[in-house]
């Protein structure tokens, strides 16, 4: 039982750390999304002012090196955010398993 309590405490600390990290990653994700969308909109307006046809403007602007780099940065931050969420889910699952073990030991099963 003592080992389970130690494991549970360790998992609670891990979960707390992961939740704090998720917050940081969520902020980075939102900033990366805003930076990408703003740059894309500016580029599209610039190209439209130059007379580029609206039908191809999105594809052309997304192919711009800077815009593509910002999109990649956005996608990476999203992936890091999602991986942190999955770590939280996995930790919660581990905690539930340990809780079940603790209950069964208390009941003498």
Protein backbone atom coordinates (compact mmCIF):
# COMPACT_ATOMS: atom_id res chain seq x y z
CA UNK A 1 0.00 0.00 0.00
CA UNK A 2 2.88 2.36 0.83
CA UNK A 3 4.30 1.92 -2.69
CA UNK A 4 0.95 2.82 -4.20
CA UNK A 5 0.74 6.01 -2.14
CA UNK A 6 4.24 6.98 -3.27
CA UNK A 7 3.32 6.28 -6.89
CA UNK A 8 0.12 8.29 -6.55
CA UNK A 9 1.99 11.26 -5.09
CA UNK A 10 4.50 11.08 -7.93
CA UNK A 11 1.71 10.97 -10.51
CA UNK A 12 -0.07 13.91 -8.86
CA UNK A 13 3.13 15.95 -9.16
CA UNK A 14 3.56 14.85 -12.75
CA UNK A 15 -0.03 15.82 -13.52
CA UNK A 16 0.36 19.23 -11.91
CA UNK A 17 3.51 19.90 -13.93
CA UNK A 18 1.86 18.72 -17.14
CA UNK A 19 -1.15 20.98 -16.58
CA UNK A 20 1.13 23.99 -16.10
CA UNK A 21 3.00 23.01 -19.27
CA UNK A 22 -0.27 22.64 -21.16
CA UNK A 23 -1.16 26.21 -20.25
CA UNK A 24 2.19 27.47 -21.58
CA UNK A 25 1.84 25.44 -24.74
CA UNK A 26 -1.72 26.64 -25.21
CA UNK A 27 -0.55 30.24 -25.08
CA UNK A 28 2.26 29.52 -27.56
CA UNK A 29 -0.23 27.74 -29.82
CA UNK A 30 -2.63 30.69 -29.81
CA UNK A 31 0.17 33.17 -30.50
CA UNK A 32 1.52 31.06 -33.37
CA UNK A 33 -1.97 30.81 -34.87
CA UNK A 34 -2.48 34.58 -34.61
CA UNK A 35 0.94 35.30 -36.12
CA UNK A 36 0.29 32.95 -39.04
CA UNK A 37 -3.22 34.26 -39.77
CA UNK A 38 -2.15 37.90 -39.53
CA UNK A 39 0.82 37.41 -41.83
CA UNK A 40 -1.29 35.46 -44.33
CA UNK A 41 -3.99 38.13 -44.37
CA UNK A 42 -1.41 40.88 -44.86
CA UNK A 43 0.25 38.96 -47.68
CA UNK A 44 -3.10 38.32 -49.36
CA UNK A 45 -4.05 41.99 -49.17
CA UNK A 46 -0.67 42.99 -50.57
CA UNK A 47 -0.97 40.58 -53.49
CA UNK A 48 -4.56 41.63 -54.13
CA UNK A 49 -3.44 45.26 -54.32
CA UNK A 50 -0.89 44.15 -56.92
CA UNK A 51 -3.73 42.72 -59.01
CA UNK A 52 -3.32 39.00 -58.34
CA UNK A 53 -6.51 37.08 -59.19
CA UNK A 54 -8.54 36.16 -56.10
CA UNK A 55 -8.95 32.59 -57.33
CA UNK A 56 -5.25 31.80 -56.87
CA UNK A 57 -4.23 34.27 -54.19
CA UNK A 58 -4.63 31.83 -51.26
CA UNK A 59 -2.44 29.16 -52.82
CA UNK A 60 0.22 31.62 -53.93
CA UNK A 61 0.39 33.32 -50.54
CA UNK A 62 0.56 30.03 -48.64
CA UNK A 63 3.52 29.10 -50.83
CA UNK A 64 5.47 32.17 -49.70
CA UNK A 65 8.52 31.14 -47.63
CA UNK A 66 7.65 33.31 -44.64
CA UNK A 67 4.00 32.24 -44.60
CA UNK A 68 4.94 28.56 -44.96
CA UNK A 69 7.43 28.91 -42.10
CA UNK A 70 4.78 30.47 -39.87
CA UNK A 71 2.32 27.71 -40.75
CA UNK A 72 4.92 25.09 -39.88
CA UNK A 73 5.58 26.84 -36.57
CA UNK A 74 1.83 26.88 -35.90
CA UNK A 75 1.52 23.18 -36.71
CA UNK A 76 4.46 22.28 -34.46
CA UNK A 77 3.02 24.23 -31.53
CA UNK A 78 -0.31 22.51 -32.06
CA UNK A 79 1.37 19.09 -32.05
CA UNK A 80 3.26 19.91 -28.84
CA UNK A 81 0.02 21.09 -27.24
CA UNK A 82 -1.80 17.90 -28.24
CA UNK A 83 1.05 15.68 -27.02
CA UNK A 84 0.90 17.41 -23.65
CA UNK A 85 -2.85 16.76 -23.49
CA UNK A 86 -2.22 13.09 -24.21
CA UNK A 87 0.38 12.94 -21.42
CA UNK A 88 -2.21 14.37 -19.04
CA UNK A 89 -4.78 11.78 -20.11
CA UNK A 90 -2.24 8.97 -19.68
CA UNK A 91 -1.29 10.21 -16.21
CA UNK A 92 -4.95 10.38 -15.18
CA UNK A 93 -5.42 6.82 -16.42
CA UNK A 94 -2.42 5.65 -14.36
CA UNK A 95 -3.87 7.43 -11.33
CA UNK A 96 -7.21 5.69 -11.82
CA UNK A 97 -5.50 2.31 -12.03
CA UNK A 98 -3.56 2.96 -8.83
CA UNK A 99 -6.74 4.18 -7.11
CA UNK A 100 -8.43 0.91 -8.06
CA UNK A 101 -5.49 -1.08 -6.67
CA UNK A 102 -5.63 0.90 -3.45
CA UNK A 103 -9.35 0.26 -3.10
CA UNK A 104 -8.91 -3.45 -3.67
CA UNK A 105 -6.09 -3.62 -1.09
CA UNK A 106 -8.24 -1.83 1.49
CA UNK A 107 -11.01 -4.33 0.87
CA UNK A 108 -8.55 -7.20 1.22
CA UNK A 109 -9.08 -8.55 -2.27
